[in-house]
């Protein structure tokens, strides 16, 4: 009974072929085949507008729904990993007909977009992996302190989607004499195929964070917050003597320096609290006494330095310790004891020292 109904439906459809021929999107033969499949209770193949594939070929089952036994037939080469290609619906239908797949419902689709799935490694990720492979090799420091320059411009790399394993360095070479490196990374996969290998070459430089001058400065200039910025500089430029920004502010430059130069601790000194030819206050302190007098510094000095100062009242030059801005402390000189008085004092001290009985030697009795 079902077969008889099917034959009747086919006969009815055959009479309507001229009307279907007027539809450009559905050729008579294809429309007839589609109608026959529908009448037979089977699913009609339908075209997909967007196709995503993981492998290197596009199969019939990728481009249409309900492909039947033809699903695994390869019909196109897939685009490169991470890229998208476009096919016209007419081309796809022609290829499908060549493989005896007819009656495909296009749903009005004019173009088919084919995207190949991929694992994408960003340039920053690649640089980090190379730095990790080089850290602590031949005197290099931590990966975060390495500045890498690649021989070829570093761009994102698209690998086959199956390469979803860990990234491991399998070869890492570094020459400390010229900074050249050669690193090979390996990316594992789940397909059982050989891991993907990526090779990178270039130069590596260890850097440190250092304060850098933004303007030219003269010797003895006091640095302000706006005079420096923090930048990463090659370690060979500043060594292990890079200054800290908090230590730089308010310090004094030992020599003339130019904008762009990194500051080291050896370039800095405490600010001079006393300048040469500056009017200063001489402070004299003794037990219960504190005297001040005006003076003139004959040399510059920072806190704790011993400088010479001209006493403007006595016109004598004295030495003192810089204790503040424009302040020099003069300690009283220790009294000098004449040599004869010192000897007498020593004799007196010796006479006043008691002698222990146990320390005396008993006298020997006289023999009769």
Protein backbone atom coordinates (compact mmCIF):
# COMPACT_ATOMS: atom_id res chain seq x y z
CA UNK A 1 0.00 0.00 0.00
CA UNK A 2 2.86 2.40 0.88
CA UNK A 3 4.57 1.66 -2.42
CA UNK A 4 1.37 2.34 -4.34
CA UNK A 5 0.96 5.71 -2.57
CA UNK A 6 4.54 6.61 -3.42
CA UNK A 7 3.97 5.84 -7.11
CA UNK A 8 0.86 7.99 -7.13
CA UNK A 9 2.77 10.89 -5.61
CA UNK A 10 5.51 10.52 -8.22
CA UNK A 11 2.95 10.60 -10.99
CA UNK A 12 1.38 13.75 -9.61
CA UNK A 13 4.75 15.44 -9.27
CA UNK A 14 5.69 14.49 -12.82
CA UNK A 15 2.73 16.51 -14.09
CA UNK A 16 3.96 19.61 -12.20
CA UNK A 17 7.50 19.64 -13.60
CA UNK A 18 6.85 22.54 -16.01
CA UNK A 19 5.72 24.72 -13.12
CA UNK A 20 8.82 23.89 -11.09
CA UNK A 21 11.07 24.65 -14.05
CA UNK A 22 10.14 28.33 -13.71
CA UNK A 23 12.01 28.48 -10.35
CA UNK A 24 15.70 29.26 -10.98
CA UNK A 25 16.78 28.16 -7.52
CA UNK A 26 15.30 24.66 -7.99
CA UNK A 27 16.06 22.89 -11.31
CA UNK A 28 13.31 20.44 -12.32
CA UNK A 29 15.39 17.30 -11.72
CA UNK A 30 16.57 18.44 -8.30
CA UNK A 31 13.11 19.56 -7.21
CA UNK A 32 11.68 16.28 -8.37
CA UNK A 33 14.27 14.29 -6.47
CA UNK A 34 13.67 16.37 -3.35
CA UNK A 35 9.94 15.80 -3.63
CA UNK A 36 10.46 12.07 -4.07
CA UNK A 37 12.67 11.94 -0.93
CA UNK A 38 10.08 13.87 1.03
CA UNK A 39 7.34 11.60 -0.15
CA UNK A 40 9.44 8.57 0.79
CA UNK A 41 9.80 9.90 4.33
CA UNK A 42 13.59 10.52 4.09
CA UNK A 43 15.42 13.71 5.21
CA UNK A 44 16.36 16.15 2.45
CA UNK A 45 20.06 17.21 2.28
CA UNK A 46 20.37 20.92 3.05
CA UNK A 47 23.25 23.29 2.47
CA UNK A 48 25.04 24.99 5.33
CA UNK A 49 26.02 28.65 5.12
CA UNK A 50 28.85 28.44 7.68
CA UNK A 51 31.13 25.45 7.93
CA UNK A 52 33.85 24.80 10.52
CA UNK A 53 36.39 22.03 10.08
CA UNK A 54 39.25 20.85 12.28
CA UNK A 55 41.21 18.85 9.68
CA UNK A 56 42.93 19.70 6.42
CA UNK A 57 40.06 18.58 4.12
CA UNK A 58 36.39 19.52 3.72
CA UNK A 59 34.00 16.57 3.40
CA UNK A 60 30.47 16.34 2.08
CA UNK A 61 29.19 15.86 5.61
CA UNK A 62 30.72 19.23 6.53
CA UNK A 63 28.84 21.29 3.95
CA UNK A 64 25.38 19.71 4.08
CA UNK A 65 23.01 18.26 6.62
CA UNK A 66 21.69 14.71 6.06
CA UNK A 67 24.53 13.66 3.73
CA UNK A 68 23.78 9.94 3.99
CA UNK A 69 26.49 7.49 2.94
CA UNK A 70 28.50 10.24 1.21
CA UNK A 71 29.36 12.08 4.46
CA UNK A 72 33.05 11.09 4.54
CA UNK A 73 33.85 11.90 0.93
CA UNK A 74 36.51 14.66 0.74
CA UNK A 75 35.66 17.38 -1.77
CA UNK A 76 37.91 20.38 -0.94
CA UNK A 77 41.19 21.19 0.72
CA UNK A 78 40.56 23.13 3.92
CA UNK A 79 41.97 26.65 4.31
CA UNK A 80 45.00 27.26 6.51
CA UNK A 81 44.46 26.95 10.29
CA UNK A 82 42.77 30.02 11.70
CA UNK A 83 41.63 31.33 8.31
CA UNK A 84 38.32 31.39 6.44
CA UNK A 85 37.55 30.64 2.78
CA UNK A 86 34.42 31.18 0.69
CA UNK A 87 32.77 28.90 -1.88
CA UNK A 88 29.84 29.75 -4.12
CA UNK A 89 26.78 27.60 -3.59
CA UNK A 90 26.76 26.77 -7.32
CA UNK A 91 30.27 25.30 -7.12
CA UNK A 92 29.36 23.24 -4.08
CA UNK A 93 26.23 21.86 -5.77
CA UNK A 94 28.21 20.91 -8.89
CA UNK A 95 30.71 18.97 -6.78
CA UNK A 96 27.92 17.26 -4.86
CA UNK A 97 26.20 16.18 -8.09
CA UNK A 98 29.49 14.69 -9.25
CA UNK A 99 29.29 12.44 -6.21
CA UNK A 100 25.64 11.54 -6.86
CA UNK A 101 24.30 13.83 -4.14
CA UNK A 102 21.26 15.57 -5.60
CA UNK A 103 18.17 17.29 -4.36
CA UNK A 104 20.07 19.56 -1.96
CA UNK A 105 17.96 22.34 -0.44
CA UNK A 106 20.03 25.54 -0.62
CA UNK A 107 17.65 27.68 1.50
CA UNK A 108 18.61 30.56 -0.82
CA UNK A 109 22.26 30.43 0.26
CA UNK A 110 24.58 31.93 -2.35
CA UNK A 111 27.99 31.42 -0.64
CA UNK A 112 29.37 28.92 1.82
CA UNK A 113 31.93 30.14 4.40
CA UNK A 114 34.50 27.54 5.48
CA UNK A 115 36.58 28.22 8.61
CA UNK A 116 39.38 25.98 9.77
CA UNK A 117 39.63 25.73 13.53
CA UNK A 118 43.05 26.35 15.07
CA UNK A 119 45.01 26.85 18.23
CA UNK A 120 46.32 30.38 18.19
CA UNK A 121 49.54 31.38 19.92
CA UNK A 122 49.69 35.15 20.39
CA UNK A 123 52.97 36.99 19.93
CA UNK A 124 53.08 37.84 23.65
CA UNK A 125 52.59 34.18 24.59
CA UNK A 126 55.41 33.11 22.28
CA UNK A 127 57.78 35.76 23.68
CA UNK A 128 57.01 34.65 27.23
CA UNK A 129 57.67 30.99 26.41
CA UNK A 130 61.02 31.86 24.81
CA UNK A 131 61.99 34.02 27.80
CA UNK A 132 61.13 31.17 30.19
CA UNK A 133 63.31 28.85 28.14
CA UNK A 134 66.27 31.29 28.45
CA UNK A 135 66.00 32.41 32.08
CA UNK A 136 68.99 31.66 34.33
CA UNK A 137 71.09 30.48 31.38
CA UNK A 138 74.68 31.72 31.29
CA UNK A 139 74.08 34.45 33.85
CA UNK A 140 70.69 35.65 32.59
CA UNK A 141 68.14 36.60 35.23
CA UNK A 142 64.43 35.96 35.54
CA UNK A 143 62.27 35.70 32.44
CA UNK A 144 60.33 38.86 33.37
CA UNK A 145 63.57 40.89 33.17
CA UNK A 146 64.58 39.70 29.68
CA UNK A 147 64.09 41.92 26.64
CA UNK A 148 63.93 39.85 23.43
CA UNK A 149 64.45 41.00 19.85
CA UNK A 150 63.49 38.41 17.22
CA UNK A 151 65.17 38.11 13.84
CA UNK A 152 61.74 37.88 12.18
CA UNK A 153 58.74 39.96 13.16
CA UNK A 154 56.84 38.04 15.79
CA UNK A 155 53.21 37.43 14.86
CA UNK A 156 50.42 35.17 16.06
CA UNK A 157 50.84 31.56 14.97
CA UNK A 158 47.86 29.35 14.09
CA UNK A 159 48.39 25.64 14.69
CA UNK A 160 46.14 22.73 13.89
CA UNK A 161 43.33 22.47 16.42
CA UNK A 162 44.64 19.07 17.49
CA UNK A 163 47.78 20.74 18.89
CA UNK A 164 46.22 21.42 22.28
CA UNK A 165 49.04 20.09 24.46
CA UNK A 166 51.59 21.91 26.62
CA UNK A 167 54.30 24.12 25.17
CA UNK A 168 57.75 22.89 26.15
CA UNK A 169 61.24 24.05 25.15
CA UNK A 170 63.23 21.19 23.62
CA UNK A 171 66.30 23.20 22.63
CA UNK A 172 67.59 26.44 24.13
CA UNK A 173 70.95 28.01 23.25
CA UNK A 174 72.35 31.37 24.36
CA UNK A 175 75.72 33.05 23.73
CA UNK A 176 76.50 35.59 26.49
CA UNK A 177 79.19 37.23 24.35
CA UNK A 178 76.78 38.66 21.78
CA UNK A 179 73.39 37.93 23.33
CA UNK A 180 72.27 35.61 20.51
CA UNK A 181 69.68 32.93 21.26
CA UNK A 182 68.20 29.96 19.41
CA UNK A 183 65.13 28.34 20.98
CA UNK A 184 62.89 25.52 19.72
CA UNK A 185 59.45 25.01 21.27
CA UNK A 186 57.36 21.88 20.97
CA UNK A 187 53.54 21.81 21.09
CA UNK A 188 51.92 18.44 21.83
CA UNK A 189 48.68 17.13 20.29
CA UNK A 190 45.97 14.55 20.87
CA UNK A 191 45.97 13.11 17.36
CA UNK A 192 49.00 10.90 17.92
CA UNK A 193 50.96 12.74 15.24
CA UNK A 194 54.39 14.27 15.84
CA UNK A 195 54.28 17.44 17.98
CA UNK A 196 54.50 20.78 16.19
CA UNK A 197 57.95 22.41 16.46
CA UNK A 198 58.54 26.15 16.39
CA UNK A 199 62.03 27.67 16.15
CA UNK A 200 62.92 31.24 17.09
CA UNK A 201 66.21 33.15 16.90
CA UNK A 202 67.26 36.64 17.98
CA UNK A 203 69.00 38.50 20.80
CA UNK A 204 68.25 38.60 24.52
CA UNK A 205 69.24 41.37 26.95
CA UNK A 206 68.67 41.35 30.69
CA UNK A 207 67.19 44.62 31.91
CA UNK A 208 66.68 46.34 35.25
CA UNK A 209 64.38 49.16 36.28
CA UNK A 210 66.31 52.38 36.79
CA UNK A 211 65.57 56.12 37.19
CA UNK A 212 66.36 58.03 33.99
CA UNK A 213 66.93 61.78 33.68
CA UNK A 214 64.42 63.73 31.61
CA UNK A 215 66.63 66.82 31.34
CA UNK A 216 70.28 67.85 31.42
CA UNK A 217 71.57 68.57 34.91
CA UNK A 218 74.73 70.25 36.18
CA UNK A 219 77.01 69.10 38.95
CA UNK A 220 75.59 69.57 42.47
CA UNK A 221 72.01 69.83 41.15
CA UNK A 222 69.36 68.71 43.62
CA UNK A 223 66.99 66.25 41.94
CA UNK A 224 63.22 66.76 42.04
CA UNK A 225 60.42 64.28 41.39
CA UNK A 226 59.84 65.73 37.90
CA UNK A 227 63.51 65.27 36.92
CA UNK A 228 63.38 61.46 36.55
CA UNK A 229 61.21 58.70 35.11
CA UNK A 230 61.47 54.96 35.67
CA UNK A 231 62.50 52.86 32.66
CA UNK A 232 63.89 49.41 32.00
CA UNK A 233 67.52 49.61 30.87
CA UNK A 234 70.09 46.94 29.97
CA UNK A 235 71.74 45.61 33.08
CA UNK A 236 75.13 46.08 31.43
CA UNK A 237 74.44 49.82 31.38
CA UNK A 238 73.80 50.27 35.09
CA UNK A 239 75.08 46.99 36.56
CA UNK A 240 73.95 46.21 40.09
CA UNK A 241 74.18 49.87 41.10
CA UNK A 242 70.82 51.10 39.76
CA UNK A 243 69.40 53.74 42.09
CA UNK A 244 65.94 53.52 43.59
CA UNK A 245 63.54 56.34 42.73
CA UNK A 246 62.71 57.03 46.36
CA UNK A 247 66.44 57.34 47.07
CA UNK A 248 67.02 59.69 44.12
CA UNK A 249 64.63 62.50 45.06
CA UNK A 250 66.43 65.19 47.05
CA UNK A 251 69.89 63.80 46.31
CA UNK A 252 72.67 65.78 44.67
CA UNK A 253 74.37 64.95 41.36
CA UNK A 254 78.11 64.39 41.57
CA UNK A 255 78.80 65.25 37.91
CA UNK A 256 77.18 66.84 34.90
CA UNK A 257 74.72 64.43 33.24
CA UNK A 258 72.44 64.50 30.20
CA UNK A 259 68.81 63.63 29.55
CA UNK A 260 68.28 59.93 28.92
CA UNK A 261 71.08 58.77 31.20
CA UNK A 262 70.25 56.18 33.86
CA UNK A 263 71.18 57.10 37.42
CA UNK A 264 73.36 54.87 39.58
CA UNK A 265 74.00 55.20 43.28
CA UNK A 266 77.57 56.24 42.52
CA UNK A 267 76.22 59.26 40.62
CA UNK A 268 74.48 60.60 43.72
CA UNK A 269 75.51 62.07 47.02
CA UNK A 270 73.83 63.65 49.97
CA UNK A 271 73.01 67.31 49.33
CA UNK A 272 75.52 69.89 50.56
CA UNK A 273 74.05 71.55 53.64
CA UNK A 274 76.91 74.05 53.59
CA UNK A 275 78.19 75.73 50.43
CA UNK A 276 81.58 77.35 49.95
CA UNK A 277 81.61 81.07 50.89
CA UNK A 278 78.20 80.63 52.51
CA UNK A 279 77.36 82.47 55.72
CA UNK A 280 76.93 79.83 58.43
CA UNK A 281 76.26 79.64 62.13
CA UNK A 282 79.03 78.29 64.33
CA UNK A 283 77.64 76.38 67.32
CA UNK A 284 79.78 75.88 70.42
CA UNK A 285 78.45 73.49 73.03
CA UNK A 286 79.98 72.60 76.37
CA UNK A 287 78.63 71.48 79.72
CA UNK A 288 75.71 73.82 80.36
CA UNK A 289 76.88 76.29 77.68
CA UNK A 290 75.68 76.85 74.09
CA UNK A 291 77.20 79.71 72.12
CA UNK A 292 76.60 80.73 68.51
CA UNK A 293 78.65 83.02 66.32
CA UNK A 294 78.58 84.01 62.69
CA UNK A 295 81.06 82.46 60.31
CA UNK A 296 81.89 81.94 56.64
CA UNK A 297 82.41 78.45 55.19
CA UNK A 298 85.60 78.05 53.20
CA UNK A 299 84.49 74.70 51.71
CA UNK A 300 81.27 72.81 50.99
CA UNK A 301 80.07 69.79 52.93
CA UNK A 302 77.11 67.53 53.56
CA UNK A 303 75.78 66.27 56.88
CA UNK A 304 78.57 64.74 58.95
CA UNK A 305 81.39 66.28 56.91
CA UNK A 306 84.18 68.22 58.63
CA UNK A 307 84.59 71.66 57.04
CA UNK A 308 86.67 74.75 57.69
CA UNK A 309 84.87 77.92 58.76
CA UNK A 310 86.21 81.46 59.23
CA UNK A 311 85.08 82.97 62.54
CA UNK A 312 84.04 86.48 61.51
CA UNK A 313 84.65 87.88 65.01
CA UNK A 314 88.05 86.41 65.80
CA UNK A 315 89.13 86.14 62.15
CA UNK A 316 90.40 82.67 62.92
CA UNK A 317 89.67 79.55 60.86
CA UNK A 318 88.22 76.67 62.82
CA UNK A 319 87.05 73.15 61.88
CA UNK A 320 83.61 71.85 62.63
CA UNK A 321 81.05 69.19 61.70
CA UNK A 322 78.09 70.02 59.46
CA UNK A 323 74.98 69.33 61.52
CA UNK A 324 72.30 71.10 59.47
CA UNK A 325 71.67 73.49 56.64
CA UNK A 326 74.06 76.39 57.25
CA UNK A 327 75.05 75.05 60.69
CA UNK A 328 78.49 73.86 61.83
CA UNK A 329 79.16 72.46 65.28
CA UNK A 330 82.52 73.26 66.90
CA UNK A 331 83.48 71.00 69.80
CA UNK A 332 85.62 72.38 72.62
CA UNK A 333 89.20 71.25 72.42
CA UNK A 334 90.36 68.78 75.07
CA UNK A 335 92.62 70.44 77.70
CA UNK A 336 96.36 69.87 77.24
CA UNK A 337 98.22 68.81 80.42
CA UNK A 338 101.93 69.77 80.62
CA UNK A 339 104.32 66.83 80.75
CA UNK A 340 105.68 67.62 84.29
CA UNK A 341 102.19 67.98 85.67
CA UNK A 342 101.19 64.75 83.99
CA UNK A 343 104.17 62.92 85.61
CA UNK A 344 103.32 64.30 89.04
CA UNK A 345 99.73 63.23 88.62
CA UNK A 346 100.85 59.73 87.72
CA UNK A 347 103.05 59.53 90.89
CA UNK A 348 100.18 60.75 92.99
CA UNK A 349 97.86 58.17 91.51
CA UNK A 350 100.41 55.43 92.22
CA UNK A 351 100.90 56.53 95.86
CA UNK A 352 97.20 56.63 96.49
CA UNK A 353 96.71 53.06 95.25
CA UNK A 354 96.45 50.66 98.32
CA UNK A 355 98.74 47.63 98.42
CA UNK A 356 97.23 44.29 99.29
CA UNK A 357 98.84 42.34 102.18
CA UNK A 358 98.61 39.14 100.23
CA UNK A 359 100.61 40.76 97.44
CA UNK A 360 103.58 41.67 99.75
CA UNK A 361 106.54 39.31 100.02
CA UNK A 362 107.32 38.24 103.61
CA UNK A 363 110.80 39.24 104.97
CA UNK A 364 113.30 36.48 105.57
CA UNK A 365 114.38 36.14 109.20
CA UNK A 366 118.01 37.04 109.99
CA UNK A 367 120.20 34.13 110.93
CA UNK A 368 121.74 34.41 114.34
